[in-house]
C-alpha cells in the first residue's frame, strides 16, 4: 500500500484576484504534491493593482476554523501568512500550542506589494512574542526582519542580513530564511540560518512584471516540501527552484493589467 499523501494547512488571508494568500498557497500545495487545507484570517478586496479593502473576522472565528481542521485532519505541516491583527495572532498561537504541529513555516506578512498594511502595528509585538518561538522556519523579507528585531533600517548588505537573521533566531525561531530580493542587483540572495550554520542561497533575478504572490508562494512551497525533504536546507533549495520556474513562466498568463501572478502550474500547462 502506498504511503498517504501529506496534508498541509495554510493559515492566511484570501486574495480575490487569486495570485497571493490562500489561493496561491493552495495552488502551490497542489503543484508540489500535497493536499491543502485552509483557515482564512482575512478577506481582501484586491486585484493586480493593489489592495482596496480588508475585512478580518474576530479571533474566535479563526480559532473555530483551526479547531475544526485539527480535530479531524492529520496536519503534517503548517504555513502561516497574513494574520491582520493581534487578536488573530494570539488565536493562531494558542492553536499551535494546543495541537503542536510538527513543522511550522511562518511568513511574516506585513505589507502588500503596493504598500497596503496587512498587519496592524500593535500586532508586530504579538507576532514576535507569541509566534516566533513556535515557528520551525520564519521567512521575512528585509523590511519585515528589521521591524521584528527593532532595527533602525532594513539590512543594506548581506552581512547585515545575516546579523538580523541571527537576531531573529535569538528571539526564538529555530530557523530563519531572510530574503534579499529587495537588495537589488543581478542576483537575489537569501540566507538560511539554522542550528547547523548559515547558508547563502543565491538565484539569478528573474526580470518579469508578474511577481504578485512571490513571498506567499515561496513559503507555501517550503511547507509543502519540508514533509518530503530531510531538512530545511533541502526544502528551501527546492522551493526556490520551483519559484524561479513559476516566475519565468508567468508571462504565459494574462491575468489583470497590473502586477500579475506567478504561473503555479507551469510544469503541467
Protein backbone atom coordinates (compact mmCIF):
# COMPACT_ATOMS: atom_id res chain seq x y z
CA UNK A 1 0.00 0.00 0.00
CA UNK A 2 1.29 3.44 -0.89
CA UNK A 3 2.04 5.96 1.83
CA UNK A 4 -0.74 8.54 2.36
CA UNK A 5 -0.40 11.94 0.72
CA UNK A 6 0.74 14.63 3.14
CA UNK A 7 -1.75 17.23 4.39
CA UNK A 8 -0.54 20.84 4.69
CA UNK A 9 -2.55 23.67 6.27
CA UNK A 10 -2.35 27.30 5.20
CA UNK A 11 -3.44 29.95 7.71
CA UNK A 12 -3.64 33.17 5.71
CA UNK A 13 -5.76 35.84 4.04
CA UNK A 14 -7.81 35.46 0.88
CA UNK A 15 -6.79 37.25 -2.33
CA UNK A 16 -9.83 37.89 -4.52
CA UNK A 17 -7.63 38.08 -7.64
CA UNK A 18 -6.17 34.64 -6.91
CA UNK A 19 -2.48 35.48 -7.07
CA UNK A 20 -1.43 35.55 -3.42
CA UNK A 21 -2.60 34.43 0.01
CA UNK A 22 -4.77 31.35 0.45
CA UNK A 23 -5.29 30.96 -3.28
CA UNK A 24 -1.57 30.99 -4.11
CA UNK A 25 -0.84 28.64 -1.21
CA UNK A 26 -3.38 26.03 -2.31
CA UNK A 27 -2.15 26.18 -5.90
CA UNK A 28 1.42 25.70 -4.70
CA UNK A 29 0.46 22.78 -2.47
CA UNK A 30 -1.28 21.06 -5.38
CA UNK A 31 1.62 21.71 -7.74
CA UNK A 32 4.05 20.14 -5.26
CA UNK A 33 2.01 17.04 -4.47
CA UNK A 34 0.38 17.68 -1.08
CA UNK A 35 -3.25 18.07 -0.02
CA UNK A 36 -4.11 21.61 1.09
CA UNK A 37 -6.43 22.69 3.90
CA UNK A 38 -7.07 26.33 4.78
CA UNK A 39 -8.01 28.67 7.62
CA UNK A 40 -8.95 32.16 6.42
CA UNK A 41 -7.72 35.02 8.59
CA UNK A 42 -8.86 37.92 6.40
CA UNK A 43 -10.82 38.75 3.27
CA UNK A 44 -9.17 41.23 0.95
CA UNK A 45 -10.71 43.14 -1.93
CA UNK A 46 -7.75 43.28 -4.29
CA UNK A 47 -6.64 42.87 -7.86
CA UNK A 48 -3.36 43.13 -9.75
CA UNK A 49 -3.20 46.87 -8.96
CA UNK A 50 -3.42 46.54 -5.20
CA UNK A 51 -5.50 46.03 -2.07
CA UNK A 52 -8.68 48.10 -1.83
CA UNK A 53 -10.13 46.87 1.45
CA UNK A 54 -9.57 44.29 4.18
CA UNK A 55 -12.12 42.57 6.40
CA UNK A 56 -10.84 40.41 9.26
CA UNK A 57 -13.02 38.01 11.30
CA UNK A 58 -12.66 38.01 15.05
CA UNK A 59 -10.15 35.75 16.70
CA UNK A 60 -12.85 33.40 17.99
CA UNK A 61 -13.94 32.53 14.45
CA UNK A 62 -10.34 31.92 13.38
CA UNK A 63 -9.96 29.66 16.42
CA UNK A 64 -13.12 27.78 15.42
CA UNK A 65 -11.71 27.14 11.93
CA UNK A 66 -8.45 25.91 13.44
CA UNK A 67 -10.23 23.57 15.84
CA UNK A 68 -12.41 22.18 13.03
CA UNK A 69 -9.36 21.32 10.93
CA UNK A 70 -7.08 19.97 13.64
CA UNK A 71 -9.85 17.95 15.32
CA UNK A 72 -10.39 15.95 12.13
CA UNK A 73 -7.43 16.19 9.74
CA UNK A 74 -3.88 14.93 10.26
CA UNK A 75 -1.79 18.04 9.57
CA UNK A 76 1.80 17.33 8.58
CA UNK A 77 2.92 20.95 8.16
CA UNK A 78 1.53 24.46 8.59
CA UNK A 79 2.20 27.61 6.61
CA UNK A 80 1.19 30.92 8.23
CA UNK A 81 0.76 34.09 6.19
CA UNK A 82 -1.35 37.23 6.69
CA UNK A 83 -2.76 37.47 10.23
CA UNK A 84 -4.21 41.01 10.15
CA UNK A 85 -4.23 41.86 13.88
CA UNK A 86 -3.04 40.88 17.34
CA UNK A 87 -6.29 39.09 18.23
CA UNK A 88 -5.79 36.69 15.32
CA UNK A 89 -2.08 36.27 16.08
CA UNK A 90 -2.96 35.16 19.60
CA UNK A 91 -5.69 32.79 18.36
CA UNK A 92 -3.25 31.11 15.97
CA UNK A 93 -0.52 30.88 18.62
CA UNK A 94 -2.94 29.29 21.08
CA UNK A 95 -3.95 26.66 18.50
CA UNK A 96 -0.32 25.84 17.68
CA UNK A 97 0.44 25.35 21.37
CA UNK A 98 -2.66 23.17 21.72
CA UNK A 99 -2.19 20.93 18.68
CA UNK A 100 1.62 21.05 18.32
CA UNK A 101 2.04 20.52 14.55
CA UNK A 102 5.48 19.12 13.75
CA UNK A 103 6.50 21.68 11.11
CA UNK A 104 5.53 25.36 11.02
CA UNK A 105 6.59 27.90 8.37
CA UNK A 106 5.87 31.50 9.40
CA UNK A 107 5.77 34.07 6.60
CA UNK A 108 5.72 37.40 8.46
CA UNK A 109 3.37 39.26 6.08
CA UNK A 110 3.14 42.96 6.97
CA UNK A 111 2.67 44.92 3.73
CA UNK A 112 1.18 44.16 0.33
CA UNK A 113 3.31 44.73 -2.78
CA UNK A 114 1.74 48.17 -3.24
CA UNK A 115 2.31 49.14 0.41
CA UNK A 116 -1.10 48.41 1.95
CA UNK A 117 -0.80 47.38 5.61
CA UNK A 118 -1.71 43.71 6.13
CA UNK A 119 -0.74 43.58 9.82
CA UNK A 120 -1.81 46.12 12.42
CA UNK A 121 1.17 47.95 14.00
CA UNK A 122 0.30 46.71 17.50
CA UNK A 123 0.35 43.13 16.22
CA UNK A 124 4.09 43.13 15.45
CA UNK A 125 4.94 42.63 19.12
CA UNK A 126 2.40 39.80 19.38
CA UNK A 127 3.89 38.16 16.30
CA UNK A 128 7.38 38.45 17.77
CA UNK A 129 6.47 37.21 21.24
CA UNK A 130 3.71 34.69 20.53
CA UNK A 131 4.52 33.09 17.17
CA UNK A 132 8.27 33.31 16.58
CA UNK A 133 9.03 30.78 19.34
CA UNK A 134 6.56 28.34 17.75
CA UNK A 135 7.98 28.55 14.23
CA UNK A 136 10.24 25.94 12.72
CA UNK A 137 11.18 28.42 9.99
CA UNK A 138 10.42 32.14 9.67
CA UNK A 139 10.71 33.77 6.21
CA UNK A 140 10.88 37.60 6.48
CA UNK A 141 11.90 39.99 3.75
CA UNK A 142 14.31 42.79 4.66
CA UNK A 143 11.65 45.24 5.88
CA UNK A 144 9.89 42.60 7.97
CA UNK A 145 13.12 41.37 9.54
CA UNK A 146 14.06 44.92 10.54
CA UNK A 147 10.64 45.51 12.11
CA UNK A 148 10.80 42.26 14.08
CA UNK A 149 14.27 42.86 15.51
CA UNK A 150 13.70 46.57 16.10
CA UNK A 151 16.43 47.71 13.70
CA UNK A 152 16.62 51.35 12.59
CA UNK A 153 16.61 50.35 8.93
CA UNK A 154 16.39 47.24 6.73
CA UNK A 155 19.65 45.42 6.02
CA UNK A 156 21.59 47.10 3.24
CA UNK A 157 24.00 44.24 2.58
CA UNK A 158 24.38 40.52 3.18
CA UNK A 159 26.41 40.96 6.36
CA UNK A 160 23.56 42.89 7.94
CA UNK A 161 21.10 40.28 6.63
CA UNK A 162 22.96 37.54 8.48
CA UNK A 163 23.14 39.62 11.64
CA UNK A 164 19.40 40.27 11.60
CA UNK A 165 18.75 36.60 10.86
CA UNK A 166 20.80 35.61 13.91
CA UNK A 167 18.88 38.17 15.97
CA UNK A 168 15.60 36.56 14.89
CA UNK A 169 16.89 33.16 15.96
CA UNK A 170 17.74 34.62 19.35
CA UNK A 171 14.08 35.65 19.66
CA UNK A 172 13.03 32.02 19.44
CA UNK A 173 12.73 31.00 15.78
CA UNK A 174 14.56 27.72 15.22
CA UNK A 175 15.49 28.61 11.64
CA UNK A 176 15.34 31.82 9.61
CA UNK A 177 15.24 32.39 5.85
CA UNK A 178 15.90 36.10 5.39
CA UNK A 179 15.07 37.08 1.82
CA UNK A 180 17.29 39.53 -0.04
CA UNK A 181 15.18 40.24 -3.09
CA UNK A 182 14.91 43.93 -2.14
CA UNK A 183 18.69 44.40 -2.16
CA UNK A 184 18.70 44.89 -5.92
CA UNK A 185 21.36 43.72 -8.33
CA UNK A 186 21.52 40.85 -10.79
CA UNK A 187 21.14 38.23 -8.08
CA UNK A 188 18.53 37.69 -5.37
CA UNK A 189 20.46 36.37 -2.34
CA UNK A 190 18.70 34.65 0.56
CA UNK A 191 20.32 33.44 3.78
CA UNK A 192 19.13 30.36 5.63
CA UNK A 193 20.30 30.29 9.23
CA UNK A 194 19.62 27.30 11.48
CA UNK A 195 21.31 25.30 14.20
CA UNK A 196 23.72 23.75 11.68
CA UNK A 197 25.03 27.03 10.26
CA UNK A 198 24.37 29.79 7.76
CA UNK A 199 23.80 29.04 4.07
CA UNK A 200 23.76 31.51 1.20
CA UNK A 201 21.15 30.60 -1.40
CA UNK A 202 21.55 32.78 -4.44
CA UNK A 203 19.45 32.86 -7.58
CA UNK A 204 19.59 34.94 -10.74
CA UNK A 205 16.96 37.67 -10.64
CA UNK A 206 14.05 36.91 -12.96
CA UNK A 207 13.10 40.12 -14.77
CA UNK A 208 9.34 39.80 -15.18
CA UNK A 209 6.40 42.04 -14.28
CA UNK A 210 4.31 39.18 -12.90
CA UNK A 211 5.57 38.91 -9.31
CA UNK A 212 2.34 39.07 -7.32
CA UNK A 213 2.35 36.42 -4.58
CA UNK A 214 6.07 35.66 -4.71
CA UNK A 215 6.55 35.57 -0.93
CA UNK A 216 3.38 33.57 -0.33
CA UNK A 217 4.38 31.05 -2.97
CA UNK A 218 7.89 30.56 -1.60
CA UNK A 219 6.75 29.95 1.98
CA UNK A 220 3.95 27.65 0.80
CA UNK A 221 6.41 25.69 -1.32
CA UNK A 222 8.73 25.28 1.67
CA UNK A 223 5.82 23.99 3.77
CA UNK A 224 4.85 21.54 1.02
CA UNK A 225 8.42 20.30 0.59
CA UNK A 226 9.57 20.07 4.22
CA UNK A 227 7.36 16.98 4.55
CA UNK A 228 9.15 15.49 1.53
CA UNK A 229 12.76 16.53 2.21
CA UNK A 230 15.14 15.65 5.08
CA UNK A 231 15.78 19.18 6.35
CA UNK A 232 15.11 22.90 5.89
CA UNK A 233 18.06 23.33 3.52
CA UNK A 234 16.68 20.73 1.12
CA UNK A 235 13.14 22.10 1.32
CA UNK A 236 14.21 25.73 0.82
CA UNK A 237 16.57 24.90 -2.05
CA UNK A 238 13.90 23.01 -3.97
CA UNK A 239 11.24 25.62 -3.13
CA UNK A 240 13.43 28.32 -4.66
CA UNK A 241 13.86 26.21 -7.81
CA UNK A 242 10.07 25.88 -8.10
CA UNK A 243 9.63 29.61 -7.52
CA UNK A 244 12.13 30.56 -10.23
CA UNK A 245 10.25 28.39 -12.71
CA UNK A 246 6.89 29.90 -11.74
CA UNK A 247 8.34 33.39 -12.22
CA UNK A 248 9.98 32.62 -15.56
CA UNK A 249 6.78 31.16 -16.98
CA UNK A 250 4.47 33.84 -15.53
CA UNK A 251 4.30 35.86 -18.80
CA UNK A 252 2.33 32.95 -20.29
CA UNK A 253 -0.60 34.03 -18.10
CA UNK A 254 -2.78 37.05 -18.90
CA UNK A 255 -4.32 37.99 -15.53
CA UNK A 256 -5.12 41.66 -14.96
CA UNK A 257 -3.37 44.80 -16.16
CA UNK A 258 -1.16 45.45 -13.13
CA UNK A 259 1.35 43.22 -11.35
CA UNK A 260 0.17 39.77 -12.37
CA UNK A 261 0.57 36.41 -10.60
CA UNK A 262 3.08 33.61 -10.98
CA UNK A 263 2.35 30.53 -13.08
CA UNK A 264 2.00 27.95 -10.30
CA UNK A 265 1.23 25.08 -12.70
CA UNK A 266 3.94 25.82 -15.26
CA UNK A 267 5.06 22.16 -15.19
CA UNK A 268 1.66 20.97 -16.42
CA UNK A 269 0.08 23.69 -18.58
